[in-house]
Amino acid sequence: MPIKSKAQRRKFAELLVKGEISPETFEEWNRGAGDAELPERVHPKTTKSKRKSPSKRAAKATSSRAKPTRTKSGTAKSGRRTAKKR
């Protein structure tokens, strides 16, 4: 099976220097590629796409209203304190 990219060629050359593959194996794979111009990588690394919606943290920070919180009894409790009526 021939080498398909420059990155693979570098990796196999490294393995040859370490002695993990034989020179015959390296030559066989390298010869299979011929003298063609190889790409840097077979599958280029993909970049993460940017989020289209704002993050949850940013959405919370921009919220101007305080949301009611639940108490242990299950009733809604207002976020604001109100003055007691006398």
N, C-alpha and C. Protein backbone atom coordinates (compact mmCIF):
# COMPACT_ATOMS: atom_id res chain seq x y z
N MET A 1 0.85 -1.18 0.00
CA MET A 1 0.00 0.00 0.00
C MET A 1 0.90 1.24 0.00
N PRO A 2 0.72 2.16 -0.93
CA PRO A 2 1.61 3.31 -1.01
C PRO A 2 1.30 4.39 0.03
N ILE A 3 2.31 5.20 0.29
CA ILE A 3 2.14 6.35 1.17
C ILE A 3 1.26 7.36 0.45
N LYS A 4 0.32 7.98 1.20
CA LYS A 4 -0.65 8.87 0.57
C LYS A 4 -0.41 10.34 0.86
N SER A 5 0.46 10.67 1.83
CA SER A 5 0.66 12.08 2.16
C SER A 5 2.08 12.32 2.68
N LYS A 6 2.46 13.59 2.73
CA LYS A 6 3.77 13.96 3.26
C LYS A 6 3.88 13.60 4.73
N ALA A 7 2.78 13.74 5.46
CA ALA A 7 2.77 13.41 6.88
C ALA A 7 3.04 11.92 7.09
N GLN A 8 2.45 11.07 6.25
CA GLN A 8 2.70 9.63 6.34
C GLN A 8 4.16 9.32 6.01
N ARG A 9 4.69 10.00 5.03
CA ARG A 9 6.09 9.77 4.65
C ARG A 9 7.02 10.12 5.82
N ARG A 10 6.74 11.25 6.48
CA ARG A 10 7.56 11.64 7.64
C ARG A 10 7.45 10.61 8.76
N LYS A 11 6.23 10.11 9.01
CA LYS A 11 6.00 9.13 10.07
C LYS A 11 6.76 7.84 9.78
N PHE A 12 6.71 7.37 8.55
CA PHE A 12 7.41 6.13 8.21
C PHE A 12 8.92 6.33 8.25
N ALA A 13 9.40 7.51 7.90
CA ALA A 13 10.83 7.79 8.00
C ALA A 13 11.25 7.77 9.47
N GLU A 14 10.41 8.30 10.34
CA GLU A 14 10.69 8.29 11.78
C GLU A 14 10.74 6.86 12.31
N LEU A 15 9.78 6.02 11.88
CA LEU A 15 9.76 4.62 12.30
C LEU A 15 10.99 3.88 11.79
N LEU A 16 11.46 4.23 10.60
CA LEU A 16 12.66 3.62 10.03
C LEU A 16 13.87 3.97 10.87
N VAL A 17 13.99 5.22 11.28
CA VAL A 17 15.13 5.66 12.09
C VAL A 17 15.10 4.98 13.46
N LYS A 18 13.91 4.82 14.05
CA LYS A 18 13.77 4.14 15.34
C LYS A 18 14.02 2.64 15.23
N GLY A 19 13.96 2.11 14.01
CA GLY A 19 14.17 0.68 13.81
C GLY A 19 12.90 -0.14 13.98
N GLU A 20 11.76 0.50 13.97
CA GLU A 20 10.50 -0.21 14.15
C GLU A 20 10.00 -0.86 12.85
N ILE A 21 10.48 -0.38 11.69
CA ILE A 21 10.18 -1.01 10.40
C ILE A 21 11.50 -1.23 9.66
N SER A 22 11.49 -2.17 8.74
CA SER A 22 12.71 -2.46 8.00
C SER A 22 12.87 -1.49 6.82
N PRO A 23 14.11 -1.30 6.36
CA PRO A 23 14.32 -0.42 5.21
C PRO A 23 13.56 -0.91 3.96
N GLU A 24 13.41 -2.22 3.83
CA GLU A 24 12.69 -2.77 2.68
C GLU A 24 11.21 -2.35 2.71
N THR A 25 10.62 -2.37 3.90
CA THR A 25 9.23 -1.98 4.04
C THR A 25 9.06 -0.50 3.68
N PHE A 26 9.97 0.33 4.20
CA PHE A 26 9.90 1.76 3.91
C PHE A 26 10.04 2.02 2.41
N GLU A 27 10.99 1.36 1.78
CA GLU A 27 11.19 1.55 0.34
C GLU A 27 9.98 1.08 -0.46
N GLU A 28 9.40 -0.03 -0.05
CA GLU A 28 8.22 -0.56 -0.76
C GLU A 28 7.07 0.45 -0.72
N TRP A 29 6.81 1.00 0.46
CA TRP A 29 5.72 1.96 0.61
C TRP A 29 6.05 3.27 -0.09
N ASN A 30 7.27 3.71 0.02
CA ASN A 30 7.68 4.98 -0.59
C ASN A 30 7.68 4.86 -2.12
N ARG A 31 8.11 3.73 -2.63
CA ARG A 31 8.14 3.50 -4.08
C ARG A 31 6.72 3.49 -4.65
N GLY A 32 5.78 2.99 -3.89
CA GLY A 32 4.39 2.93 -4.33
C GLY A 32 3.81 4.31 -4.60
N ALA A 33 4.29 5.32 -3.86
CA ALA A 33 3.80 6.68 -4.07
C ALA A 33 4.42 7.30 -5.32
N GLY A 34 5.57 6.82 -5.70
CA GLY A 34 6.24 7.37 -6.88
C GLY A 34 6.77 8.77 -6.60
N ASP A 35 6.96 9.53 -7.66
CA ASP A 35 7.48 10.89 -7.49
C ASP A 35 6.36 11.93 -7.60
N ALA A 36 5.14 11.50 -7.34
CA ALA A 36 3.99 12.40 -7.40
C ALA A 36 4.06 13.40 -6.25
N GLU A 37 3.50 14.58 -6.47
CA GLU A 37 3.40 15.60 -5.42
C GLU A 37 2.29 15.18 -4.46
N LEU A 38 2.67 14.90 -3.21
CA LEU A 38 1.70 14.43 -2.23
C LEU A 38 1.12 15.61 -1.45
N PRO A 39 -0.12 15.49 -1.00
CA PRO A 39 -0.69 16.54 -0.15
C PRO A 39 -0.06 16.47 1.24
N GLU A 40 -0.16 17.56 2.00
CA GLU A 40 0.39 17.57 3.36
C GLU A 40 -0.31 16.52 4.23
N ARG A 41 -1.62 16.47 4.15
CA ARG A 41 -2.40 15.48 4.91
C ARG A 41 -3.49 14.92 3.99
N VAL A 42 -3.86 13.65 4.23
CA VAL A 42 -4.91 13.02 3.43
C VAL A 42 -6.25 13.68 3.74
N HIS A 43 -6.57 13.82 5.02
CA HIS A 43 -7.82 14.45 5.46
C HIS A 43 -7.44 15.66 6.29
N PRO A 44 -7.55 16.86 5.75
CA PRO A 44 -7.20 18.04 6.54
C PRO A 44 -8.04 18.12 7.81
N LYS A 45 -7.43 18.66 8.86
CA LYS A 45 -8.15 18.80 10.13
C LYS A 45 -9.28 19.79 9.95
N THR A 46 -10.44 19.45 10.50
CA THR A 46 -11.59 20.34 10.40
C THR A 46 -11.57 21.31 11.56
N THR A 47 -12.08 22.50 11.33
CA THR A 47 -12.15 23.49 12.39
C THR A 47 -13.54 23.44 13.00
N LYS A 48 -13.63 23.79 14.26
CA LYS A 48 -14.94 23.80 14.91
C LYS A 48 -15.75 24.96 14.36
N SER A 49 -17.03 24.70 14.12
CA SER A 49 -17.89 25.78 13.62
C SER A 49 -18.26 26.69 14.78
N LYS A 50 -18.44 27.96 14.47
CA LYS A 50 -18.81 28.92 15.49
C LYS A 50 -20.27 28.73 15.84
N ARG A 51 -20.60 29.00 17.09
CA ARG A 51 -21.99 28.89 17.52
C ARG A 51 -22.82 29.99 16.90
N LYS A 52 -24.00 29.65 16.48
CA LYS A 52 -24.90 30.64 15.89
C LYS A 52 -25.68 31.36 16.96
N SER A 53 -26.00 30.67 18.06
CA SER A 53 -26.75 31.30 19.14
C SER A 53 -25.78 31.66 20.27
N PRO A 54 -26.12 32.68 21.04
CA PRO A 54 -25.24 33.06 22.14
C PRO A 54 -25.20 31.97 23.20
N SER A 55 -24.14 31.92 23.95
CA SER A 55 -24.02 30.89 24.97
C SER A 55 -25.02 31.13 26.09
N LYS A 56 -25.26 30.11 26.88
CA LYS A 56 -26.22 30.23 27.98
C LYS A 56 -25.74 31.26 28.99
N ARG A 57 -24.45 31.26 29.25
CA ARG A 57 -23.91 32.19 30.23
C ARG A 57 -24.12 33.64 29.77
N ALA A 58 -23.89 33.91 28.49
CA ALA A 58 -24.07 35.26 27.96
C ALA A 58 -25.55 35.64 28.00
N ALA A 59 -26.43 34.69 27.73
CA ALA A 59 -27.86 34.97 27.75
C ALA A 59 -28.32 35.32 29.16
N LYS A 60 -27.79 34.64 30.17
CA LYS A 60 -28.15 34.94 31.55
C LYS A 60 -27.66 36.31 31.97
N ALA A 61 -26.48 36.68 31.52
CA ALA A 61 -25.90 37.96 31.91
C ALA A 61 -26.68 39.12 31.31
N THR A 62 -27.27 38.94 30.14
CA THR A 62 -27.99 40.02 29.49
C THR A 62 -29.43 40.12 29.95
N SER A 63 -29.91 39.11 30.68
CA SER A 63 -31.29 39.14 31.17
C SER A 63 -31.43 40.22 32.23
N SER A 64 -32.44 41.10 32.08
CA SER A 64 -32.61 42.20 33.03
C SER A 64 -33.62 41.86 34.13
N ARG A 65 -34.49 40.92 33.87
CA ARG A 65 -35.50 40.56 34.86
C ARG A 65 -35.01 39.43 35.73
N ALA A 66 -35.34 39.51 37.02
CA ALA A 66 -35.02 38.42 37.93
C ALA A 66 -36.11 37.37 37.81
N LYS A 67 -35.71 36.13 37.65
CA LYS A 67 -36.68 35.05 37.53
C LYS A 67 -37.07 34.58 38.92
N PRO A 68 -38.35 34.23 39.13
CA PRO A 68 -38.76 33.74 40.44
C PRO A 68 -38.09 32.40 40.74
N THR A 69 -37.76 32.20 41.99
CA THR A 69 -37.14 30.94 42.40
C THR A 69 -38.17 30.12 43.16
N ARG A 70 -37.97 28.82 43.18
CA ARG A 70 -38.88 27.92 43.87
C ARG A 70 -38.43 27.73 45.32
N THR A 71 -39.39 27.68 46.22
CA THR A 71 -39.09 27.40 47.62
C THR A 71 -39.29 25.92 47.87
N LYS A 72 -39.00 25.48 49.07
CA LYS A 72 -39.15 24.06 49.40
C LYS A 72 -40.59 23.60 49.27
N SER A 73 -41.54 24.49 49.54
CA SER A 73 -42.95 24.10 49.47
C SER A 73 -43.45 24.03 48.02
N GLY A 74 -42.66 24.52 47.07
CA GLY A 74 -43.04 24.41 45.67
C GLY A 74 -43.69 25.65 45.12
N THR A 75 -43.87 26.67 45.95
CA THR A 75 -44.48 27.90 45.46
C THR A 75 -43.40 28.83 44.93
N ALA A 76 -43.78 29.71 44.04
CA ALA A 76 -42.82 30.64 43.46
C ALA A 76 -42.55 31.78 44.44
N LYS A 77 -41.30 32.16 44.50
CA LYS A 77 -40.90 33.25 45.39
C LYS A 77 -40.31 34.34 44.51
N SER A 78 -40.75 35.56 44.69
CA SER A 78 -40.26 36.65 43.86
C SER A 78 -38.81 36.95 44.18
N GLY A 79 -38.07 37.38 43.19
CA GLY A 79 -36.67 37.73 43.38
C GLY A 79 -36.51 39.08 44.08
N ARG A 80 -37.53 39.93 44.04
CA ARG A 80 -37.45 41.24 44.65
C ARG A 80 -38.09 41.23 46.04
N ARG A 81 -37.59 42.07 46.90
CA ARG A 81 -38.21 42.21 48.21
C ARG A 81 -39.20 43.35 48.15
N THR A 82 -40.31 43.14 48.73
CA THR A 82 -41.34 44.19 48.76
C THR A 82 -41.53 44.68 50.18
N ALA A 83 -41.91 45.92 50.32
CA ALA A 83 -42.17 46.48 51.65
C ALA A 83 -43.43 45.86 52.21
N LYS A 84 -43.40 45.56 53.50
CA LYS A 84 -44.57 44.95 54.13
C LYS A 84 -45.62 46.03 54.34
N LYS A 85 -46.85 45.66 54.11
CA LYS A 85 -47.96 46.57 54.35
C LYS A 85 -48.33 46.52 55.81
N ARG A 86 -48.60 47.69 56.42
CA ARG A 86 -48.97 47.73 57.85
C ARG A 86 -50.43 47.85 58.04
